C-alpha atoms as a PDB file:
ATOM      1  CA  MET A   1      98.076  53.221  80.064  1.00  0.00           C
ATOM      2  CA  ALA A   2      96.592  55.298  82.612  1.00  0.00           C
ATOM      3  CA  GLN A   3      95.354  59.065  81.847  1.00  0.00           C
ATOM      4  CA  PRO A   4      97.753  61.936  83.085  1.00  0.00           C
ATOM      5  CA  LEU A   5      96.071  63.676  86.219  1.00  0.00           C
ATOM      6  CA  PRO A   6      94.710  67.106  85.055  1.00  0.00           C
ATOM      7  CA  GLU A   7      96.825  70.160  86.663  1.00  0.00           C
ATOM      8  CA  PRO A   8      96.007  71.308  89.886  1.00  0.00           C
ATOM      9  CA  ARG A   9      93.208  74.605  90.165  1.00  0.00           C
ATOM     10  CA  THR A  10      94.703  77.359  91.432  1.00  0.00           C
ATOM     11  CA  ASP A  11      92.680  79.585  94.462  1.00  0.00           C
ATOM     12  CA  ARG A  12      92.058  82.131  92.063  1.00  0.00           C
ATOM     13  CA  GLU A  13      90.288  79.917  89.661  1.00  0.00           C
ATOM     14  CA  LEU A  14      88.208  77.885  91.878  1.00  0.00           C
ATOM     15  CA  ALA A  15      87.174  81.655  93.317  1.00  0.00           C
ATOM     16  CA  TRP A  16      85.760  82.341  89.751  1.00  0.00           C
ATOM     17  CA  ASP A  17      84.444  79.338  89.750  1.00  0.00           C
ATOM     18  CA  ILE A  18      82.467  79.281  92.891  1.00  0.00           C
ATOM     19  CA  LEU A  19      81.347  83.471  92.167  1.00  0.00           C
ATOM     20  CA  ARG A  20      80.156  81.711  88.686  1.00  0.00           C
ATOM     21  CA  ASP A  21      78.190  79.407  90.515  1.00  0.00           C
ATOM     22  CA  ALA A  22      76.553  81.906  92.858  1.00  0.00           C
ATOM     23  CA  GLY A  23      75.517  83.779  89.968  1.00  0.00           C
ATOM     24  CA  LEU A  24      78.170  87.331  90.818  1.00  0.00           C
ATOM     25  CA  LEU A  25      79.677  87.364  87.799  1.00  0.00           C
ATOM     26  CA  ALA A  26      79.002  89.062  84.808  1.00  0.00           C
ATOM     27  CA  GLN A  27      80.159  89.493  81.883  1.00  0.00           C
ATOM     28  CA  LEU A  28      81.845  92.581  80.804  1.00  0.00           C
ATOM     29  CA  ALA A  29      79.929  95.004  78.353  1.00  0.00           C
ATOM     30  CA  PRO A  30      81.831  94.656  74.672  1.00  0.00           C
ATOM     31  CA  SER A  31      82.620  98.447  75.500  1.00  0.00           C
ATOM     32  CA  GLU A  32      84.085  97.780  78.809  1.00  0.00           C
ATOM     33  CA  ALA A  33      86.040  94.740  77.236  1.00  0.00           C
ATOM     34  CA  ARG A  34      87.526  96.999  74.582  1.00  0.00           C
ATOM     35  CA  ARG A  35      88.301  99.698  77.520  1.00  0.00           C
ATOM     36  CA  GLY A  36      90.160  97.059  79.544  1.00  0.00           C
ATOM     37  CA  ALA A  37      91.993  95.524  76.385  1.00  0.00           C
ATOM     38  CA  GLN A  38      93.830  99.019  76.108  1.00  0.00           C
ATOM     39  CA  ALA A  39      94.844  99.545  79.609  1.00  0.00           C
ATOM     40  CA  LYS A  40      98.689  99.212  79.800  1.00  0.00           C
ATOM     41  CA  ALA A  41      99.614  99.873  83.337  1.00  0.00           C
ATOM     42  CA  THR A  42     100.557  96.544  85.535  1.00  0.00           C
ATOM     43  CA  LEU A  43      99.512  95.684  88.555  1.00  0.00           C
ATOM     44  CA  ASP A  44     103.051  96.710  89.510  1.00  0.00           C
ATOM     45  CA  GLU A  45     102.841 100.140  88.071  1.00  0.00           C
ATOM     46  CA  VAL A  46      99.521 100.721  89.600  1.00  0.00           C
ATOM     47  CA  SER A  47     100.308  99.550  93.305  1.00  0.00           C
ATOM     48  CA  ALA A  48     103.301 101.701  93.169  1.00  0.00           C
ATOM     49  CA  ALA A  49     101.130 105.060  92.156  1.00  0.00           C
ATOM     50  CA  LEU A  50      98.597 104.176  94.719  1.00  0.00           C
ATOM     51  CA  ASP A  51     101.114 103.837  97.264  1.00  0.00           C
ATOM     52  CA  ALA A  52     102.627 107.071  96.352  1.00  0.00           C
ATOM     53  CA  ALA A  53      99.350 109.010  96.521  1.00  0.00           C
ATOM     54  CA  SER A  54      98.948 111.093  99.642  1.00  0.00           C
ATOM     55  CA  GLY A  55      95.574 111.675 101.609  1.00  0.00           C
ATOM     56  CA  PRO A  56      93.864 109.683 103.932  1.00  0.00           C
ATOM     57  CA  GLU A  57      93.240 105.758 102.628  1.00  0.00           C
ATOM     58  CA  LEU A  58      90.064 105.021 101.029  1.00  0.00           C
ATOM     59  CA  GLY A  59      88.926 103.301 104.078  1.00  0.00           C
ATOM     60  CA  GLU A  60      89.284 106.019 106.001  1.00  0.00           C
ATOM     61  CA  LEU A  61      87.326 107.970 103.915  1.00  0.00           C
ATOM     62  CA  ILE A  62      84.095 105.651 103.782  1.00  0.00           C
ATOM     63  CA  ILE A  63      84.489 105.769 107.400  1.00  0.00           C
ATOM     64  CA  GLU A  64      84.597 109.483 107.026  1.00  0.00           C
ATOM     65  CA  MET A  65      81.620 109.897 104.630  1.00  0.00           C
ATOM     66  CA  ARG A  66      79.124 107.053 106.737  1.00  0.00           C
ATOM     67  CA  GLY A  67      79.113 109.852 109.729  1.00  0.00           C
ATOM     68  CA  PRO A  68      78.580 108.214 113.234  1.00  0.00           C
ATOM     69  CA  LYS A  69      76.857 105.557 114.230  1.00  0.00           C
ATOM     70  CA  ALA A  70      73.548 105.982 115.553  1.00  0.00           C
END
């Protein structure tokens, strides 16, 4: 009997593998992992809060902080 095909990998899983193989992923420190485990906000809640925030966008702030190109 033939073995079933493995589940296709998601783009996210492939990206994680590429970053890990390139040495660009680091393990969280235990304190960081605990802090992440305590987080209660959902992605939708964080996105809504950022959308509701007033002021310039992050990209605009970065460009302003860099100053004029010489």
